[in-house]
């Protein structure tokens, strides 16, 4: 069995840092773009609920 720090480092390459494999931010799947649709759906659901409650109790 390897001793101390050698146990984890014996099979690592000399330069263990990897290049970035994907771009950061932006693009069509940006969270802010998806979030606005979610907000509009919640507003629509609340409005429909208010209309239904008004019809039932009005």
PDB file of N, CA and C in Angstrom:
ATOM      1  N   UNK A   1       0.838  -1.175   0.000  1.00  0.00           N
ATOM      2  CA  UNK A   1       0.000   0.000   0.000  1.00  0.00           C
ATOM      3  C   UNK A   1       0.884   1.240   0.000  1.00  0.00           C
ATOM      4  N   UNK A   2       0.473   2.262  -0.737  1.00  0.00           N
ATOM      5  CA  UNK A   2       1.262   3.499  -0.815  1.00  0.00           C
ATOM      6  C   UNK A   2       1.102   4.304   0.462  1.00  0.00           C
ATOM      7  N   UNK A   3       2.120   5.044   0.793  1.00  0.00           N
ATOM      8  CA  UNK A   3       2.124   5.825   2.030  1.00  0.00           C
ATOM      9  C   UNK A   3       1.740   7.283   1.785  1.00  0.00           C
ATOM     10  N   UNK A   4       0.994   7.888   2.713  1.00  0.00           N
ATOM     11  CA  UNK A   4       0.717   9.327   2.727  1.00  0.00           C
ATOM     12  C   UNK A   4       0.077   9.843   1.453  1.00  0.00           C
ATOM     13  N   UNK A   5       0.629  10.955   0.944  1.00  0.00           N
ATOM     14  CA  UNK A   5       0.096  11.621  -0.237  1.00  0.00           C
ATOM     15  C   UNK A   5       0.324  10.840  -1.514  1.00  0.00           C
ATOM     16  N   UNK A   6       1.249   9.878  -1.496  1.00  0.00           N
ATOM     17  CA  UNK A   6       1.542   9.097  -2.698  1.00  0.00           C
ATOM     18  C   UNK A   6       0.342   8.240  -3.109  1.00  0.00           C
ATOM     19  N   UNK A   7      -0.516   7.880  -2.166  1.00  0.00           N
ATOM     20  CA  UNK A   7      -1.664   7.028  -2.469  1.00  0.00           C
ATOM     21  C   UNK A   7      -2.562   7.661  -3.530  1.00  0.00           C
ATOM     22  N   UNK A   8      -2.806   8.983  -3.440  1.00  0.00           N
ATOM     23  CA  UNK A   8      -3.689   9.652  -4.382  1.00  0.00           C
ATOM     24  C   UNK A   8      -2.955  10.220  -5.589  1.00  0.00           C
ATOM     25  N   UNK A   9      -1.674  10.440  -5.496  1.00  0.00           N
ATOM     26  CA  UNK A   9      -0.967  11.111  -6.583  1.00  0.00           C
ATOM     27  C   UNK A   9      -0.186  10.173  -7.489  1.00  0.00           C
ATOM     28  N   UNK A  10      -0.097   8.907  -7.184  1.00  0.00           N
ATOM     29  CA  UNK A  10       0.771   8.033  -7.980  1.00  0.00           C
ATOM     30  C   UNK A  10       0.268   7.820  -9.406  1.00  0.00           C
ATOM     31  N   UNK A  11      -1.049   7.934  -9.665  1.00  0.00           N
ATOM     32  CA  UNK A  11      -1.555   7.700 -11.014  1.00  0.00           C
ATOM     33  C   UNK A  11      -2.031   8.978 -11.706  1.00  0.00           C
ATOM     34  N   UNK A  12      -1.724  10.140 -11.142  1.00  0.00           N
ATOM     35  CA  UNK A  12      -2.131  11.400 -11.753  1.00  0.00           C
ATOM     36  C   UNK A  12      -1.065  11.889 -12.722  1.00  0.00           C
ATOM     37  N   UNK A  13      -1.501  12.622 -13.766  1.00  0.00           N
ATOM     38  CA  UNK A  13      -0.509  13.178 -14.695  1.00  0.00           C
ATOM     39  C   UNK A  13       0.292  14.302 -14.039  1.00  0.00           C
ATOM     40  N   UNK A  14       1.398  14.690 -14.676  1.00  0.00           N
ATOM     41  CA  UNK A  14       2.246  15.751 -14.132  1.00  0.00           C
ATOM     42  C   UNK A  14       1.484  17.074 -14.030  1.00  0.00           C
ATOM     43  N   UNK A  15       0.638  17.355 -15.022  1.00  0.00           N
ATOM     44  CA  UNK A  15      -0.151  18.592 -15.035  1.00  0.00           C
ATOM     45  C   UNK A  15      -1.631  18.216 -14.978  1.00  0.00           C
ATOM     46  N   UNK A  16      -2.227  18.080 -13.786  1.00  0.00           N
ATOM     47  CA  UNK A  16      -3.594  17.575 -13.683  1.00  0.00           C
ATOM     48  C   UNK A  16      -4.686  18.568 -14.071  1.00  0.00           C
ATOM     49  N   UNK A  17      -4.354  19.859 -14.337  1.00  0.00           N
ATOM     50  CA  UNK A  17      -5.386  20.827 -14.734  1.00  0.00           C
ATOM     51  C   UNK A  17      -5.889  20.521 -16.135  1.00  0.00           C
ATOM     52  N   UNK A  18      -7.196  20.472 -16.291  1.00  0.00           N
ATOM     53  CA  UNK A  18      -7.807  20.206 -17.590  1.00  0.00           C
ATOM     54  C   UNK A  18      -8.260  21.512 -18.230  1.00  0.00           C
ATOM     55  N   UNK A  19      -8.254  21.533 -19.547  1.00  0.00           N
ATOM     56  CA  UNK A  19      -8.778  22.681 -20.272  1.00  0.00           C
ATOM     57  C   UNK A  19     -10.286  22.724 -20.100  1.00  0.00           C
ATOM     58  N   UNK A  20     -10.858  23.914 -20.180  1.00  0.00           N
ATOM     59  CA  UNK A  20     -12.311  24.058 -20.053  1.00  0.00           C
ATOM     60  C   UNK A  20     -12.968  23.400 -21.266  1.00  0.00           C
ATOM     61  N   UNK A  21     -13.944  22.526 -21.008  1.00  0.00           N
ATOM     62  CA  UNK A  21     -14.550  21.778 -22.103  1.00  0.00           C
ATOM     63  C   UNK A  21     -15.892  22.340 -22.552  1.00  0.00           C
ATOM     64  N   UNK A  22     -16.331  23.450 -21.966  1.00  0.00           N
ATOM     65  CA  UNK A  22     -17.588  24.054 -22.391  1.00  0.00           C
ATOM     66  C   UNK A  22     -17.547  25.553 -22.125  1.00  0.00           C
ATOM     67  N   UNK A  23     -18.227  26.327 -22.940  1.00  0.00           N
ATOM     68  CA  UNK A  23     -18.233  27.775 -22.722  1.00  0.00           C
ATOM     69  C   UNK A  23     -19.086  28.145 -21.511  1.00  0.00           C
ATOM     70  N   UNK A  24     -18.817  29.294 -20.948  1.00  0.00           N
ATOM     71  CA  UNK A  24     -19.579  29.748 -19.783  1.00  0.00           C
ATOM     72  C   UNK A  24     -20.587  30.819 -20.190  1.00  0.00           C
ATOM     73  N   UNK A  25     -21.825  30.685 -19.716  1.00  0.00           N
ATOM     74  CA  UNK A  25     -22.852  31.708 -19.876  1.00  0.00           C
ATOM     75  C   UNK A  25     -23.344  31.895 -21.296  1.00  0.00           C
ATOM     76  N   UNK A  26     -24.430  32.661 -21.414  1.00  0.00           N
ATOM     77  CA  UNK A  26     -24.984  32.998 -22.715  1.00  0.00           C
ATOM     78  C   UNK A  26     -25.630  31.815 -23.410  1.00  0.00           C
ATOM     79  N   UNK A  27     -26.095  32.026 -24.586  1.00  0.00           N
ATOM     80  CA  UNK A  27     -26.685  30.949 -25.368  1.00  0.00           C
ATOM     81  C   UNK A  27     -28.182  30.847 -25.187  1.00  0.00           C
ATOM     82  N   UNK A  28     -28.819  30.004 -25.986  1.00  0.00           N
ATOM     83  CA  UNK A  28     -30.278  29.898 -25.956  1.00  0.00           C
ATOM     84  C   UNK A  28     -30.837  29.275 -24.682  1.00  0.00           C
ATOM     85  N   UNK A  29     -30.026  28.544 -23.944  1.00  0.00           N
ATOM     86  CA  UNK A  29     -30.518  27.890 -22.730  1.00  0.00           C
ATOM     87  C   UNK A  29     -30.086  28.638 -21.477  1.00  0.00           C
ATOM     88  N   UNK A  30     -29.942  29.945 -21.595  1.00  0.00           N
ATOM     89  CA  UNK A  30     -29.550  30.743 -20.440  1.00  0.00           C
ATOM     90  C   UNK A  30     -30.676  30.731 -19.408  1.00  0.00           C
ATOM     91  N   UNK A  31     -30.360  30.560 -18.125  1.00  0.00           N
ATOM     92  CA  UNK A  31     -31.405  30.457 -17.099  1.00  0.00           C
ATOM     93  C   UNK A  31     -32.367  31.638 -17.053  1.00  0.00           C
ATOM     94  N   UNK A  32     -31.885  32.854 -17.305  1.00  0.00           N
ATOM     95  CA  UNK A  32     -32.777  34.015 -17.261  1.00  0.00           C
ATOM     96  C   UNK A  32     -33.851  33.926 -18.335  1.00  0.00           C
ATOM     97  N   UNK A  33     -33.521  33.412 -19.506  1.00  0.00           N
ATOM     98  CA  UNK A  33     -34.495  33.299 -20.591  1.00  0.00           C
ATOM     99  C   UNK A  33     -35.579  32.289 -20.228  1.00  0.00           C
ATOM    100  N   UNK A  34     -35.208  31.205 -19.572  1.00  0.00           N
ATOM    101  CA  UNK A  34     -36.194  30.202 -19.161  1.00  0.00           C
ATOM    102  C   UNK A  34     -37.020  30.693 -17.981  1.00  0.00           C
ATOM    103  N   UNK A  35     -36.429  31.506 -17.126  1.00  0.00           N
ATOM    104  CA  UNK A  35     -37.116  31.977 -15.936  1.00  0.00           C
ATOM    105  C   UNK A  35     -38.295  32.875 -16.236  1.00  0.00           C
ATOM    106  N   UNK A  36     -38.212  33.689 -17.292  1.00  0.00           N
ATOM    107  CA  UNK A  36     -39.301  34.607 -17.596  1.00  0.00           C
ATOM    108  C   UNK A  36     -40.552  33.838 -18.026  1.00  0.00           C
ATOM    109  N   UNK A  37     -40.387  32.740 -18.725  1.00  0.00           N
ATOM    110  CA  UNK A  37     -41.539  31.929 -19.117  1.00  0.00           C
ATOM    111  C   UNK A  37     -42.207  31.343 -17.875  1.00  0.00           C
ATOM    112  N   UNK A  38     -41.420  30.909 -16.929  1.00  0.00           N
ATOM    113  CA  UNK A  38     -41.941  30.345 -15.684  1.00  0.00           C
ATOM    114  C   UNK A  38     -42.756  31.386 -14.918  1.00  0.00           C
ATOM    115  N   UNK A  39     -42.261  32.619 -14.870  1.00  0.00           N
ATOM    116  CA  UNK A  39     -42.968  33.685 -14.165  1.00  0.00           C
ATOM    117  C   UNK A  39     -44.311  33.972 -14.825  1.00  0.00           C
ATOM    118  N   UNK A  40     -44.333  34.031 -16.151  1.00  0.00           N
ATOM    119  CA  UNK A  40     -45.594  34.312 -16.848  1.00  0.00           C
ATOM    120  C   UNK A  40     -46.598  33.177 -16.647  1.00  0.00           C
ATOM    121  N   UNK A  41     -46.132  31.957 -16.584  1.00  0.00           N
ATOM    122  CA  UNK A  41     -47.045  30.839 -16.322  1.00  0.00           C
ATOM    123  C   UNK A  41     -47.627  30.922 -14.912  1.00  0.00           C
ATOM    124  N   UNK A  42     -46.830  31.332 -13.940  1.00  0.00           N
ATOM    125  CA  UNK A  42     -47.328  31.478 -12.573  1.00  0.00           C
ATOM    126  C   UNK A  42     -48.352  32.614 -12.482  1.00  0.00           C
ATOM    127  N   UNK A  43     -48.092  33.721 -13.155  1.00  0.00           N
ATOM    128  CA  UNK A  43     -49.042  34.841 -13.163  1.00  0.00           C
ATOM    129  C   UNK A  43     -50.350  34.409 -13.801  1.00  0.00           C
ATOM    130  N   UNK A  44     -50.276  33.691 -14.906  1.00  0.00           N
ATOM    131  CA  UNK A  44     -51.475  33.198 -15.581  1.00  0.00           C
ATOM    132  C   UNK A  44     -52.256  32.246 -14.670  1.00  0.00           C
ATOM    133  N   UNK A  45     -51.559  31.370 -13.955  1.00  0.00           N
ATOM    134  CA  UNK A  45     -52.216  30.428 -13.051  1.00  0.00           C
ATOM    135  C   UNK A  45     -52.931  31.168 -11.922  1.00  0.00           C
ATOM    136  N   UNK A  46     -52.319  32.200 -11.374  1.00  0.00           N
ATOM    137  CA  UNK A  46     -52.947  32.977 -10.301  1.00  0.00           C
ATOM    138  C   UNK A  46     -54.184  33.697 -10.827  1.00  0.00           C
ATOM    139  N   UNK A  47     -54.102  34.269 -12.024  1.00  0.00           N
ATOM    140  CA  UNK A  47     -55.259  34.946 -12.606  1.00  0.00           C
ATOM    141  C   UNK A  47     -56.414  33.977 -12.851  1.00  0.00           C
ATOM    142  N   UNK A  48     -56.113  32.805 -13.362  1.00  0.00           N
ATOM    143  CA  UNK A  48     -57.159  31.798 -13.585  1.00  0.00           C
ATOM    144  C   UNK A  48     -57.772  31.389 -12.256  1.00  0.00           C
ATOM    145  N   UNK A  49     -56.957  31.212 -11.239  1.00  0.00           N
ATOM    146  CA  UNK A  49     -57.470  30.856  -9.919  1.00  0.00           C
ATOM    147  C   UNK A  49     -58.383  31.952  -9.370  1.00  0.00           C
ATOM    148  N   UNK A  50     -57.998  33.211  -9.542  1.00  0.00           N
ATOM    149  CA  UNK A  50     -58.843  34.329  -9.089  1.00  0.00           C
ATOM    150  C   UNK A  50     -60.167  34.347  -9.827  1.00  0.00           C
ATOM    151  N   UNK A  51     -60.160  34.100 -11.117  1.00  0.00           N
ATOM    152  CA  UNK A  51     -61.413  34.068 -11.889  1.00  0.00           C
ATOM    153  C   UNK A  51     -62.310  32.930 -11.406  1.00  0.00           C
ATOM    154  N   UNK A  52     -61.726  31.778 -11.180  1.00  0.00           N
ATOM    155  CA  UNK A  52     -62.510  30.622 -10.712  1.00  0.00           C
ATOM    156  C   UNK A  52     -63.099  30.913  -9.342  1.00  0.00           C
ATOM    157  N   UNK A  53     -62.325  31.491  -8.426  1.00  0.00           N
ATOM    158  CA  UNK A  53     -62.828  31.818  -7.091  1.00  0.00           C
ATOM    159  C   UNK A  53     -63.919  32.891  -7.157  1.00  0.00           C
ATOM    160  N   UNK A  54     -63.761  33.853  -8.070  1.00  0.00           N
ATOM    161  CA  UNK A  54     -64.785  34.881  -8.235  1.00  0.00           C
ATOM    162  C   UNK A  54     -66.092  34.280  -8.740  1.00  0.00           C
ATOM    163  N   UNK A  55     -66.019  33.346  -9.651  1.00  0.00           N
ATOM    164  CA  UNK A  55     -67.217  32.705 -10.191  1.00  0.00           C
ATOM    165  C   UNK A  55     -67.884  31.851  -9.103  1.00  0.00           C
ATOM    166  N   UNK A  56     -67.112  31.132  -8.324  1.00  0.00           N
ATOM    167  CA  UNK A  56     -67.673  30.247  -7.307  1.00  0.00           C
ATOM    168  C   UNK A  56     -68.304  31.042  -6.167  1.00  0.00           C
ATOM    169  N   UNK A  57     -67.586  32.049  -5.638  1.00  0.00           N
ATOM    170  CA  UNK A  57     -68.048  32.771  -4.455  1.00  0.00           C
ATOM    171  C   UNK A  57     -68.701  34.113  -4.789  1.00  0.00           C
ATOM    172  N   UNK A  58     -68.811  34.468  -6.076  1.00  0.00           N
ATOM    173  CA  UNK A  58     -69.343  35.780  -6.455  1.00  0.00           C
ATOM    174  C   UNK A  58     -70.810  35.841  -6.667  1.00  0.00           C
TER     175      UNK A  58
END
